C-alpha atoms as a PDB file:
ATOM      1  CA  MET A   1      -2.815  -4.513 -21.094  1.00  0.00           C
ATOM      2  CA  PRO A   2      -3.743  -8.105 -22.036  1.00  0.00           C
ATOM      3  CA  PRO A   3      -6.296  -9.878 -19.848  1.00  0.00           C
ATOM      4  CA  THR A   4      -5.080 -12.046 -16.997  1.00  0.00           C
ATOM      5  CA  LEU A   5      -4.891 -15.701 -18.054  1.00  0.00           C
ATOM      6  CA  PRO A   6      -4.717 -18.790 -15.837  1.00  0.00           C
ATOM      7  CA  SER A   7      -1.206 -19.908 -15.036  1.00  0.00           C
ATOM      8  CA  PRO A   8      -0.345 -23.270 -16.598  1.00  0.00           C
ATOM      9  CA  SER A   9       1.250 -24.279 -13.271  1.00  0.00           C
ATOM     10  CA  ASP A  10      -1.997 -23.798 -11.314  1.00  0.00           C
ATOM     11  CA  SER A  11      -3.057 -26.879  -9.373  1.00  0.00           C
ATOM     12  CA  ALA A  12      -6.684 -27.975  -9.094  1.00  0.00           C
ATOM     13  CA  ARG A  13      -6.622 -26.773  -5.490  1.00  0.00           C
ATOM     14  CA  THR A  14      -5.377 -23.325  -6.507  1.00  0.00           C
ATOM     15  CA  ARG A  15      -8.008 -22.943  -9.221  1.00  0.00           C
ATOM     16  CA  ALA A  16     -10.744 -23.978  -6.801  1.00  0.00           C
ATOM     17  CA  ASP A  17      -9.499 -21.598  -4.090  1.00  0.00           C
ATOM     18  CA  ARG A  18      -9.299 -18.699  -6.524  1.00  0.00           C
ATOM     19  CA  ALA A  19     -12.811 -19.366  -7.845  1.00  0.00           C
ATOM     20  CA  GLU A  20     -14.174 -19.498  -4.300  1.00  0.00           C
ATOM     21  CA  LEU A  21     -12.373 -16.269  -3.386  1.00  0.00           C
ATOM     22  CA  VAL A  22     -13.988 -14.543  -6.376  1.00  0.00           C
ATOM     23  CA  ASP A  23     -17.407 -15.825  -5.328  1.00  0.00           C
ATOM     24  CA  ARG A  24     -17.083 -14.858  -1.675  1.00  0.00           C
ATOM     25  CA  ILE A  25     -15.805 -11.317  -2.283  1.00  0.00           C
ATOM     26  CA  ALA A  26     -18.493 -10.753  -4.923  1.00  0.00           C
ATOM     27  CA  ARG A  27     -21.191 -11.871  -2.463  1.00  0.00           C
ATOM     28  CA  VAL A  28     -19.972  -9.516   0.246  1.00  0.00           C
ATOM     29  CA  LEU A  29     -19.542  -6.672  -2.264  1.00  0.00           C
ATOM     30  CA  PRO A  30     -22.314  -6.879  -4.885  1.00  0.00           C
ATOM     31  CA  GLU A  31     -21.553  -3.277  -5.928  1.00  0.00           C
ATOM     32  CA  ASP A  32     -18.348  -1.306  -6.469  1.00  0.00           C
ATOM     33  CA  GLY A  33     -16.565   0.080  -3.447  1.00  0.00           C
ATOM     34  CA  LYS A  34     -14.690  -1.007  -0.335  1.00  0.00           C
ATOM     35  CA  VAL A  35     -15.873  -2.552   2.906  1.00  0.00           C
ATOM     36  CA  ASP A  36     -14.060  -3.150   6.189  1.00  0.00           C
ATOM     37  CA  ALA A  37     -14.282  -6.713   7.456  1.00  0.00           C
ATOM     38  CA  LEU A  38     -13.877  -8.254  10.918  1.00  0.00           C
ATOM     39  CA  ASP A  39     -13.656  -4.935  12.776  1.00  0.00           C
ATOM     40  CA  GLY A  40     -11.190  -3.444  10.323  1.00  0.00           C
ATOM     41  CA  LEU A  41      -8.756  -6.369  10.278  1.00  0.00           C
ATOM     42  CA  PHE A  42      -8.853  -6.241   6.469  1.00  0.00           C
ATOM     43  CA  TYR A  43     -10.934  -4.727   3.713  1.00  0.00           C
ATOM     44  CA  LEU A  44     -12.437  -5.993   0.471  1.00  0.00           C
ATOM     45  CA  HIS A  45     -12.461  -3.971  -2.751  1.00  0.00           C
ATOM     46  CA  ARG A  46     -14.493  -4.209  -5.956  1.00  0.00           C
ATOM     47  CA  GLU A  47     -14.355  -2.176  -9.181  1.00  0.00           C
ATOM     48  CA  SER A  48     -16.291  -2.914 -12.388  1.00  0.00           C
ATOM     49  CA  SER A  49     -14.119  -0.779 -14.671  1.00  0.00           C
ATOM     50  CA  PRO A  50     -10.547   0.552 -14.759  1.00  0.00           C
ATOM     51  CA  THR A  51      -9.902   3.547 -12.509  1.00  0.00           C
ATOM     52  CA  GLU A  52      -7.702   6.600 -12.729  1.00  0.00           C
ATOM     53  CA  PRO A  53      -4.715   6.775 -10.347  1.00  0.00           C
ATOM     54  CA  LEU A  54      -5.648   7.198  -6.683  1.00  0.00           C
ATOM     55  CA  HIS A  55      -3.004   9.058  -4.670  1.00  0.00           C
ATOM     56  CA  ALA A  56      -2.788   8.098  -1.014  1.00  0.00           C
ATOM     57  CA  VAL A  57      -0.376   7.161   1.774  1.00  0.00           C
ATOM     58  CA  SER A  58      -0.141   3.407   2.224  1.00  0.00           C
ATOM     59  CA  TYR A  59       0.360   1.388   5.388  1.00  0.00           C
ATOM     60  CA  PRO A  60       2.054  -1.983   5.986  1.00  0.00           C
ATOM     61  CA  SER A  61      -0.207  -4.519   4.308  1.00  0.00           C
ATOM     62  CA  VAL A  62      -0.518  -7.455   1.950  1.00  0.00           C
ATOM     63  CA  CYS A  63      -2.956  -7.488  -0.969  1.00  0.00           C
ATOM     64  CA  VAL A  64      -4.269 -10.727  -2.460  1.00  0.00           C
ATOM     65  CA  MET A  65      -6.287 -10.328  -5.633  1.00  0.00           C
ATOM     66  CA  ALA A  66      -9.063 -12.681  -6.713  1.00  0.00           C
ATOM     67  CA  GLN A  67      -9.764 -11.160 -10.139  1.00  0.00           C
ATOM     68  CA  GLY A  68      -8.562  -8.298 -12.348  1.00  0.00           C
ATOM     69  CA  ALA A  69      -5.264  -6.430 -12.195  1.00  0.00           C
ATOM     70  CA  LYS A  70      -3.855  -3.306 -10.559  1.00  0.00           C
ATOM     71  CA  VAL A  71      -0.810  -1.083 -10.973  1.00  0.00           C
ATOM     72  CA  VAL A  72       0.953   0.772  -8.153  1.00  0.00           C
ATOM     73  CA  HIS A  73       3.343   3.656  -8.789  1.00  0.00           C
ATOM     74  CA  LEU A  74       6.080   4.446  -6.256  1.00  0.00           C
ATOM     75  CA  GLY A  75       8.372   7.250  -7.356  1.00  0.00           C
ATOM     76  CA  ASP A  76       9.511   6.357 -10.863  1.00  0.00           C
ATOM     77  CA  ALA A  77       8.807   2.622 -10.456  1.00  0.00           C
ATOM     78  CA  THR A  78       5.634   0.783 -11.488  1.00  0.00           C
ATOM     79  CA  HIS A  79       4.474  -2.525  -9.998  1.00  0.00           C
ATOM     80  CA  ARG A  80       1.673  -4.618 -11.516  1.00  0.00           C
ATOM     81  CA  TYR A  81      -0.093  -7.447  -9.729  1.00  0.00           C
ATOM     82  CA  ASP A  82      -2.988  -9.804 -10.415  1.00  0.00           C
ATOM     83  CA  PRO A  83      -4.532 -13.047  -9.105  1.00  0.00           C
ATOM     84  CA  PHE A  84      -1.213 -14.844  -9.533  1.00  0.00           C
ATOM     85  CA  HIS A  85       0.859 -12.300  -7.587  1.00  0.00           C
ATOM     86  CA  TYR A  86       0.543 -10.599  -4.215  1.00  0.00           C
ATOM     87  CA  LEU A  87       1.646  -7.114  -3.202  1.00  0.00           C
ATOM     88  CA  LEU A  88       3.476  -6.490   0.077  1.00  0.00           C
ATOM     89  CA  ILE A  89       3.996  -2.979   1.492  1.00  0.00           C
ATOM     90  CA  SER A  90       6.211  -2.562   4.545  1.00  0.00           C
ATOM     91  CA  ALA A  91       6.066   1.183   5.278  1.00  0.00           C
ATOM     92  CA  ASP A  92       3.872   4.277   5.053  1.00  0.00           C
ATOM     93  CA  LEU A  93       4.540   5.353   1.474  1.00  0.00           C
ATOM     94  CA  PRO A  94       2.938   8.009  -0.766  1.00  0.00           C
ATOM     95  CA  LEU A  95       1.624   5.893  -3.646  1.00  0.00           C
ATOM     96  CA  ALA A  96      -0.551   6.173  -6.721  1.00  0.00           C
ATOM     97  CA  SER A  97      -2.586   3.069  -7.601  1.00  0.00           C
ATOM     98  CA  GLU A  98      -5.032   2.262 -10.394  1.00  0.00           C
ATOM     99  CA  VAL A  99      -7.162  -0.705 -11.372  1.00  0.00           C
ATOM    100  CA  VAL A 100      -6.197  -1.622 -14.950  1.00  0.00           C
ATOM    101  CA  GLU A 101      -8.277  -4.764 -15.567  1.00  0.00           C
ATOM    102  CA  ALA A 102     -11.959  -4.817 -14.595  1.00  0.00           C
ATOM    103  CA  THR A 103     -15.304  -5.305 -16.345  1.00  0.00           C
ATOM    104  CA  GLU A 104     -18.931  -5.644 -15.296  1.00  0.00           C
ATOM    105  CA  ALA A 105     -18.756  -9.370 -16.020  1.00  0.00           C
ATOM    106  CA  GLU A 106     -15.369  -9.861 -14.325  1.00  0.00           C
ATOM    107  CA  PRO A 107     -14.817  -7.058 -11.806  1.00  0.00           C
ATOM    108  CA  TYR A 108     -11.611  -6.341  -9.965  1.00  0.00           C
ATOM    109  CA  LEU A 109     -11.857  -8.118  -6.585  1.00  0.00           C
ATOM    110  CA  SER A 110      -9.250  -8.066  -3.827  1.00  0.00           C
ATOM    111  CA  MET A 111      -8.605  -8.271  -0.100  1.00  0.00           C
ATOM    112  CA  VAL A 112      -6.068  -6.131   1.753  1.00  0.00           C
ATOM    113  CA  LEU A 113      -4.823  -7.235   5.168  1.00  0.00           C
ATOM    114  CA  ARG A 114      -3.205  -4.677   7.448  1.00  0.00           C
ATOM    115  CA  LEU A 115       0.077  -6.019   8.884  1.00  0.00           C
ATOM    116  CA  ASP A 116       0.640  -5.050  12.495  1.00  0.00           C
ATOM    117  CA  PRO A 117       4.350  -4.714  13.408  1.00  0.00           C
ATOM    118  CA  GLU A 118       3.792  -6.275  16.834  1.00  0.00           C
ATOM    119  CA  THR A 119       2.122  -9.347  15.327  1.00  0.00           C
ATOM    120  CA  VAL A 120       4.901  -9.649  12.756  1.00  0.00           C
ATOM    121  CA  GLY A 121       7.499  -9.386  15.523  1.00  0.00           C
ATOM    122  CA  ARG A 122       5.816 -12.050  17.678  1.00  0.00           C
ATOM    123  CA  VAL A 123       5.580 -14.490  14.757  1.00  0.00           C
ATOM    124  CA  MET A 124       9.240 -13.865  13.954  1.00  0.00           C
ATOM    125  CA  ILE A 125      10.228 -14.666  17.541  1.00  0.00           C
ATOM    126  CA  GLU A 126       8.124 -17.846  17.555  1.00  0.00           C
ATOM    127  CA  ALA A 127       9.731 -18.833  14.240  1.00  0.00           C
ATOM    128  CA  GLY A 128      13.168 -18.406  15.804  1.00  0.00           C
ATOM    129  CA  GLU A 129      14.115 -15.184  14.038  1.00  0.00           C
ATOM    130  CA  ALA A 130      15.444 -11.987  15.553  1.00  0.00           C
ATOM    131  CA  ALA A 131      14.046  -8.647  14.383  1.00  0.00           C
ATOM    132  CA  GLY A 132      17.352  -7.678  12.832  1.00  0.00           C
ATOM    133  CA  GLN A 133      17.900 -10.933  10.948  1.00  0.00           C
ATOM    134  CA  GLY A 134      16.934  -9.530   7.544  1.00  0.00           C
ATOM    135  CA  ARG A 135      19.858  -9.525   5.153  1.00  0.00           C
ATOM    136  CA  SER A 136      19.145  -6.085   3.721  1.00  0.00           C
ATOM    137  CA  GLU A 137      16.907  -3.029   3.775  1.00  0.00           C
ATOM    138  CA  PRO A 138      14.839  -3.743   0.664  1.00  0.00           C
ATOM    139  CA  LEU A 139      12.474  -1.425  -1.144  1.00  0.00           C
ATOM    140  CA  ALA A 140       9.368  -1.163   1.045  1.00  0.00           C
ATOM    141  CA  LEU A 141       7.053  -2.459  -1.709  1.00  0.00           C
ATOM    142  CA  ASP A 142       7.208  -5.360  -4.135  1.00  0.00           C
ATOM    143  CA  VAL A 143       5.189  -8.029  -5.955  1.00  0.00           C
ATOM    144  CA  SER A 144       5.798 -11.794  -5.777  1.00  0.00           C
ATOM    145  CA  PRO A 145       4.113 -14.958  -7.099  1.00  0.00           C
ATOM    146  CA  LEU A 146       1.156 -16.027  -4.960  1.00  0.00           C
ATOM    147  CA  GLY A 147       1.675 -19.577  -3.720  1.00  0.00           C
ATOM    148  CA  GLU A 148      -1.209 -21.928  -2.988  1.00  0.00           C
ATOM    149  CA  ASP A 149      -0.627 -21.974   0.785  1.00  0.00           C
ATOM    150  CA  LEU A 150      -0.831 -18.176   1.045  1.00  0.00           C
ATOM    151  CA  LEU A 151      -3.881 -18.106  -1.235  1.00  0.00           C
ATOM    152  CA  ASP A 152      -5.555 -20.786   0.894  1.00  0.00           C
ATOM    153  CA  ALA A 153      -4.918 -18.830   4.097  1.00  0.00           C
ATOM    154  CA  ALA A 154      -6.282 -15.628   2.535  1.00  0.00           C
ATOM    155  CA  LEU A 155      -9.408 -17.513   1.432  1.00  0.00           C
ATOM    156  CA  ARG A 156      -9.964 -18.887   4.932  1.00  0.00           C
ATOM    157  CA  LEU A 157      -9.743 -15.368   6.330  1.00  0.00           C
ATOM    158  CA  VAL A 158     -12.339 -14.097   3.831  1.00  0.00           C
ATOM    159  CA  ARG A 159     -14.622 -17.039   4.669  1.00  0.00           C
ATOM    160  CA  LEU A 160     -14.794 -15.764   8.239  1.00  0.00           C
ATOM    161  CA  VAL A 161     -16.734 -12.684   7.066  1.00  0.00           C
ATOM    162  CA  GLU A 162     -19.725 -15.016   6.716  1.00  0.00           C
ATOM    163  CA  GLN A 163     -18.826 -17.029   9.822  1.00  0.00           C
ATOM    164  CA  PRO A 164     -18.873 -14.385  12.577  1.00  0.00           C
ATOM    165  CA  GLU A 165     -19.297 -16.949  15.346  1.00  0.00           C
ATOM    166  CA  GLU A 166     -15.869 -18.391  14.481  1.00  0.00           C
ATOM    167  CA  ALA A 167     -14.091 -15.183  13.476  1.00  0.00           C
ATOM    168  CA  ARG A 168     -13.252 -13.959  16.975  1.00  0.00           C
ATOM    169  CA  VAL A 169     -11.167 -17.062  17.709  1.00  0.00           C
ATOM    170  CA  VAL A 170     -10.017 -18.154  14.248  1.00  0.00           C
ATOM    171  CA  ALA A 171      -9.164 -14.811  12.563  1.00  0.00           C
ATOM    172  CA  PRO A 172      -6.089 -14.098  14.754  1.00  0.00           C
ATOM    173  CA  LEU A 173      -4.795 -17.606  14.046  1.00  0.00           C
ATOM    174  CA  VAL A 174      -5.215 -17.280  10.280  1.00  0.00           C
ATOM    175  CA  THR A 175      -3.641 -13.815  10.356  1.00  0.00           C
ATOM    176  CA  ARG A 176      -0.588 -15.228  12.101  1.00  0.00           C
ATOM    177  CA  GLU A 177      -0.431 -18.016   9.530  1.00  0.00           C
ATOM    178  CA  ILE A 178      -0.449 -15.451   6.726  1.00  0.00           C
ATOM    179  CA  VAL A 179       2.407 -13.587   8.421  1.00  0.00           C
ATOM    180  CA  TYR A 180       4.315 -16.873   8.753  1.00  0.00           C
ATOM    181  CA  ARG A 181       3.746 -17.758   5.071  1.00  0.00           C
ATOM    182  CA  LEU A 182       5.021 -14.323   4.066  1.00  0.00           C
ATOM    183  CA  LEU A 183       8.027 -14.659   6.363  1.00  0.00           C
ATOM    184  CA  ARG A 184       8.985 -17.933   4.692  1.00  0.00           C
ATOM    185  CA  GLY A 185       8.324 -16.644   1.184  1.00  0.00           C
ATOM    186  CA  ASP A 186      10.107 -14.487  -1.375  1.00  0.00           C
ATOM    187  CA  GLN A 187       9.442 -11.321   0.615  1.00  0.00           C
ATOM    188  CA  GLY A 188      10.689 -12.483   4.000  1.00  0.00           C
ATOM    189  CA  ASP A 189      13.206  -9.634   4.254  1.00  0.00           C
ATOM    190  CA  ARG A 190      10.497  -7.130   3.405  1.00  0.00           C
ATOM    191  CA  LEU A 191       8.267  -8.565   6.130  1.00  0.00           C
ATOM    192  CA  ARG A 192      11.120  -8.327   8.624  1.00  0.00           C
ATOM    193  CA  GLN A 193      11.357  -4.679   7.643  1.00  0.00           C
ATOM    194  CA  ILE A 194       7.806  -4.151   8.966  1.00  0.00           C
ATOM    195  CA  ALA A 195       8.916  -5.297  12.398  1.00  0.00           C
ATOM    196  CA  ALA A 196      12.049  -3.156  12.131  1.00  0.00           C
ATOM    197  CA  LEU A 197      10.171  -0.023  11.066  1.00  0.00           C
ATOM    198  CA  GLY A 198       7.490  -0.590  13.668  1.00  0.00           C
ATOM    199  CA  GLY A 199      10.081  -1.348  16.320  1.00  0.00           C
ATOM    200  CA  HIS A 200      12.156   1.766  15.579  1.00  0.00           C
ATOM    201  CA  THR A 201      15.252  -0.249  14.615  1.00  0.00           C
ATOM    202  CA  SER A 202      15.510   0.604  10.913  1.00  0.00           C
ATOM    203  CA  ARG A 203      18.063   3.229  10.020  1.00  0.00           C
ATOM    204  CA  VAL A 204      15.513   5.257   8.094  1.00  0.00           C
ATOM    205  CA  ALA A 205      12.372   4.644  10.188  1.00  0.00           C
ATOM    206  CA  PRO A 206      12.754   7.771  12.368  1.00  0.00           C
ATOM    207  CA  ALA A 207      13.273   9.899   9.256  1.00  0.00           C
ATOM    208  CA  ILE A 208      10.163   8.469   7.570  1.00  0.00           C
ATOM    209  CA  ARG A 209       8.111   9.240  10.673  1.00  0.00           C
ATOM    210  CA  ARG A 210       9.574  12.736  10.909  1.00  0.00           C
ATOM    211  CA  LEU A 211       8.768  13.502   7.270  1.00  0.00           C
ATOM    212  CA  HIS A 212       5.179  12.383   7.825  1.00  0.00           C
ATOM    213  CA  GLU A 213       4.877  14.530  10.943  1.00  0.00           C
ATOM    214  CA  GLU A 214       6.748  17.594   9.628  1.00  0.00           C
ATOM    215  CA  TYR A 215       6.036  17.455   5.877  1.00  0.00           C
ATOM    216  CA  ASP A 216       5.253  21.208   5.866  1.00  0.00           C
ATOM    217  CA  ARG A 217       8.608  22.233   7.362  1.00  0.00           C
ATOM    218  CA  ALA A 218      11.905  22.836   5.603  1.00  0.00           C
ATOM    219  CA  LEU A 219      13.999  19.755   6.403  1.00  0.00           C
ATOM    220  CA  SER A 220      17.444  19.227   4.902  1.00  0.00           C
ATOM    221  CA  VAL A 221      18.979  15.862   4.119  1.00  0.00           C
ATOM    222  CA  GLU A 222      21.796  16.733   6.515  1.00  0.00           C
ATOM    223  CA  ASP A 223      19.289  17.414   9.295  1.00  0.00           C
ATOM    224  CA  LEU A 224      17.449  14.137   8.689  1.00  0.00           C
ATOM    225  CA  ALA A 225      20.712  12.197   8.435  1.00  0.00           C
ATOM    226  CA  GLY A 226      22.006  13.675  11.677  1.00  0.00           C
ATOM    227  CA  GLY A 227      18.839  12.609  13.435  1.00  0.00           C
ATOM    228  CA  VAL A 228      19.535   8.944  12.651  1.00  0.00           C
ATOM    229  CA  GLY A 229      23.316   9.075  13.096  1.00  0.00           C
ATOM    230  CA  LEU A 230      24.324   8.659   9.460  1.00  0.00           C
ATOM    231  CA  SER A 231      26.297  10.745   7.018  1.00  0.00           C
ATOM    232  CA  ALA A 232      24.188  12.560   4.435  1.00  0.00           C
ATOM    233  CA  SER A 233      25.394  10.285   1.617  1.00  0.00           C
ATOM    234  CA  ARG A 234      24.747   7.029   3.523  1.00  0.00           C
ATOM    235  CA  PHE A 235      21.365   8.250   4.716  1.00  0.00           C
ATOM    236  CA  HIS A 236      20.382   9.243   1.166  1.00  0.00           C
ATOM    237  CA  HIS A 237      21.366   5.765  -0.068  1.00  0.00           C
ATOM    238  CA  HIS A 238      19.445   3.892   2.644  1.00  0.00           C
ATOM    239  CA  PHE A 239      16.362   6.117   2.368  1.00  0.00           C
ATOM    240  CA  LYS A 240      16.059   5.633  -1.380  1.00  0.00           C
ATOM    241  CA  ALA A 241      16.680   1.892  -1.059  1.00  0.00           C
ATOM    242  CA  VAL A 242      13.684   1.581   1.283  1.00  0.00           C
ATOM    243  CA  THR A 243      11.237   4.125  -0.164  1.00  0.00           C
ATOM    244  CA  GLY A 244      12.205   4.283  -3.837  1.00  0.00           C
ATOM    245  CA  MET A 245      12.492   8.089  -3.542  1.00  0.00           C
ATOM    246  CA  THR A 246      14.939  10.663  -2.324  1.00  0.00           C
ATOM    247  CA  PRO A 247      13.953  12.400   0.939  1.00  0.00           C
ATOM    248  CA  VAL A 248      13.103  15.548  -1.052  1.00  0.00           C
ATOM    249  CA  GLN A 249      10.849  13.610  -3.454  1.00  0.00           C
ATOM    250  CA  PHE A 250       9.187  11.823  -0.533  1.00  0.00           C
ATOM    251  CA  GLN A 251       8.392  15.078   1.284  1.00  0.00           C
ATOM    252  CA  LYS A 252       7.166  16.752  -1.907  1.00  0.00           C
ATOM    253  CA  THR A 253       4.779  13.876  -2.629  1.00  0.00           C
ATOM    254  CA  LEU A 254       3.396  14.037   0.918  1.00  0.00           C
ATOM    255  CA  ARG A 255       2.901  17.805   0.572  1.00  0.00           C
ATOM    256  CA  LEU A 256       1.069  17.514  -2.730  1.00  0.00           C
ATOM    257  CA  GLN A 257      -1.218  14.737  -1.499  1.00  0.00           C
ATOM    258  CA  GLU A 258      -2.136  16.807   1.564  1.00  0.00           C
ATOM    259  CA  ALA A 259      -2.674  19.906  -0.576  1.00  0.00           C
ATOM    260  CA  ARG A 260      -5.081  17.980  -2.789  1.00  0.00           C
ATOM    261  CA  ARG A 261      -6.991  16.827   0.288  1.00  0.00           C
ATOM    262  CA  LEU A 262      -7.184  20.404   1.592  1.00  0.00           C
ATOM    263  CA  LEU A 263      -8.416  21.728  -1.727  1.00  0.00           C
ATOM    264  CA  LEU A 264     -11.190  19.141  -1.794  1.00  0.00           C
ATOM    265  CA  ALA A 265     -12.179  19.211   1.866  1.00  0.00           C
ATOM    266  CA  ASP A 266     -11.697  22.853   2.882  1.00  0.00           C
ATOM    267  CA  ASP A 267     -12.538  24.660  -0.367  1.00  0.00           C
ATOM    268  CA  LEU A 268      -9.254  26.591  -0.354  1.00  0.00           C
ATOM    269  CA  ASP A 269      -7.670  28.437  -3.242  1.00  0.00           C
ATOM    270  CA  ALA A 270      -4.467  26.995  -4.685  1.00  0.00           C
ATOM    271  CA  ALA A 271      -2.106  29.575  -3.149  1.00  0.00           C
ATOM    272  CA  THR A 272      -3.464  29.026   0.366  1.00  0.00           C
ATOM    273  CA  ALA A 273      -3.319  25.236   0.064  1.00  0.00           C
ATOM    274  CA  GLY A 274       0.260  25.433  -1.188  1.00  0.00           C
ATOM    275  CA  TYR A 275       1.273  27.714   1.661  1.00  0.00           C
ATOM    276  CA  ARG A 276      -0.284  25.409   4.255  1.00  0.00           C
ATOM    277  CA  VAL A 277       1.754  22.423   3.099  1.00  0.00           C
ATOM    278  CA  GLY A 278       5.045  24.297   3.035  1.00  0.00           C
ATOM    279  CA  TYR A 279       5.332  26.029  -0.353  1.00  0.00           C
ATOM    280  CA  ASN A 280       6.475  29.660  -0.394  1.00  0.00           C
ATOM    281  CA  SER A 281       5.735  30.194  -4.087  1.00  0.00           C
ATOM    282  CA  ALA A 282       2.256  29.736  -5.582  1.00  0.00           C
ATOM    283  CA  SER A 283       3.688  29.253  -9.080  1.00  0.00           C
ATOM    284  CA  HIS A 284       6.148  26.608  -7.832  1.00  0.00           C
ATOM    285  CA  PHE A 285       3.289  24.809  -6.076  1.00  0.00           C
ATOM    286  CA  SER A 286       1.109  24.858  -9.203  1.00  0.00           C
ATOM    287  CA  ARG A 287       3.935  23.481 -11.364  1.00  0.00           C
ATOM    288  CA  ASP A 288       4.625  20.625  -8.941  1.00  0.00           C
ATOM    289  CA  TYR A 289       0.910  19.914  -8.550  1.00  0.00           C
ATOM    290  CA  LYS A 290       0.364  19.651 -12.313  1.00  0.00           C
ATOM    291  CA  ARG A 291       3.405  17.415 -12.656  1.00  0.00           C
ATOM    292  CA  GLN A 292       2.043  15.108  -9.937  1.00  0.00           C
ATOM    293  CA  PHE A 293      -1.665  15.005 -10.810  1.00  0.00           C
ATOM    294  CA  GLY A 294      -1.728  15.973 -14.489  1.00  0.00           C
ATOM    295  CA  GLU A 295      -3.707  19.236 -14.177  1.00  0.00           C
ATOM    296  CA  PRO A 296      -3.387  22.588 -12.372  1.00  0.00           C
ATOM    297  CA  PRO A 297      -4.847  22.558  -8.837  1.00  0.00           C
ATOM    298  CA  MET A 298      -8.272  24.125  -9.401  1.00  0.00           C
ATOM    299  CA  GLN A 299      -8.926  22.249 -12.659  1.00  0.00           C
ATOM    300  CA  ASP A 300      -8.013  18.974 -10.983  1.00  0.00           C
ATOM    301  CA  VAL A 301     -10.280  19.655  -8.007  1.00  0.00           C
ATOM    302  CA  GLU A 302     -13.182  20.683 -10.252  1.00  0.00           C
ATOM    303  CA  ARG A 303     -12.819  17.447 -12.229  1.00  0.00           C
ATOM    304  CA  LEU A 304     -12.729  15.346  -9.058  1.00  0.00           C
ATOM    305  CA  ARG A 305     -15.856  17.027  -7.727  1.00  0.00           C
ATOM    306  CA  GLU A 306     -17.720  16.550 -11.006  1.00  0.00           C
ATOM    307  CA  ARG A 307     -16.779  12.880 -11.015  1.00  0.00           C
ATOM    308  CA  ALA A 308     -17.960  12.457  -7.405  1.00  0.00           C
ATOM    309  CA  ALA A 309     -21.299  14.099  -8.233  1.00  0.00           C
ATOM    310  CA  ALA A 310     -21.905  11.987 -11.347  1.00  0.00           C
END
């Protein structure tokens, strides 16, 4: 991919804020990795080279990037973001993400703020919006242009890492401002979805929670639809609109991610790991695993362990 170039519409303020954000994250993270900040309110991330896809379950959050670029895969869709775009995630989704632009001289640098449904709901009420005011149930992940007000608020939150005496009082205020900026921005409906999913009002929220809790059980679309009071066809439509996957694809991705974790953490063989996450056929599990991660289970795990030991 081509390198990220400055936007011609950038103001002097935006360029200065972005340069300061790069400097502050680099100071906190002089080496590659991630670090929690302000008691886990958000984390900072640095990578000095492109990475292979990392498979994990997301949580409601907003990511503001200072430098570099990243790609997130959700089902069959791919979303790319960079210092001129922010990523908003409104549900717990099984994702694959990879840094695609990063060098030693200009590493990938970002901050990710966890979005608490209760905080989102309170800001919505104070802004005069009801939790159900969103016009639709949008896909639970998207990328939008990063405006200067949102960038400025993100920078002020990162500044507080080096101002601990102010952070206890100021961080909650800046967090609420970020939520407000998001609510008034392009992804307002998606932010409202966080409050809906967290408040158990979304039509698919109970099904998403159930799939996370019972990923290893045989669950039919009809069963899931009945649990939320929808017909199978309407439930299928709403679920895919929010998650970008069918319920079957969603459950399969959760199973495979958990199987990979078990193989790495518990030193299991492939058949046992597949059985534990709900597969009845070892060959079926191996085929799905290779399709998801690019290699058969044991080869993939051996490669991951070699990379970790390097």
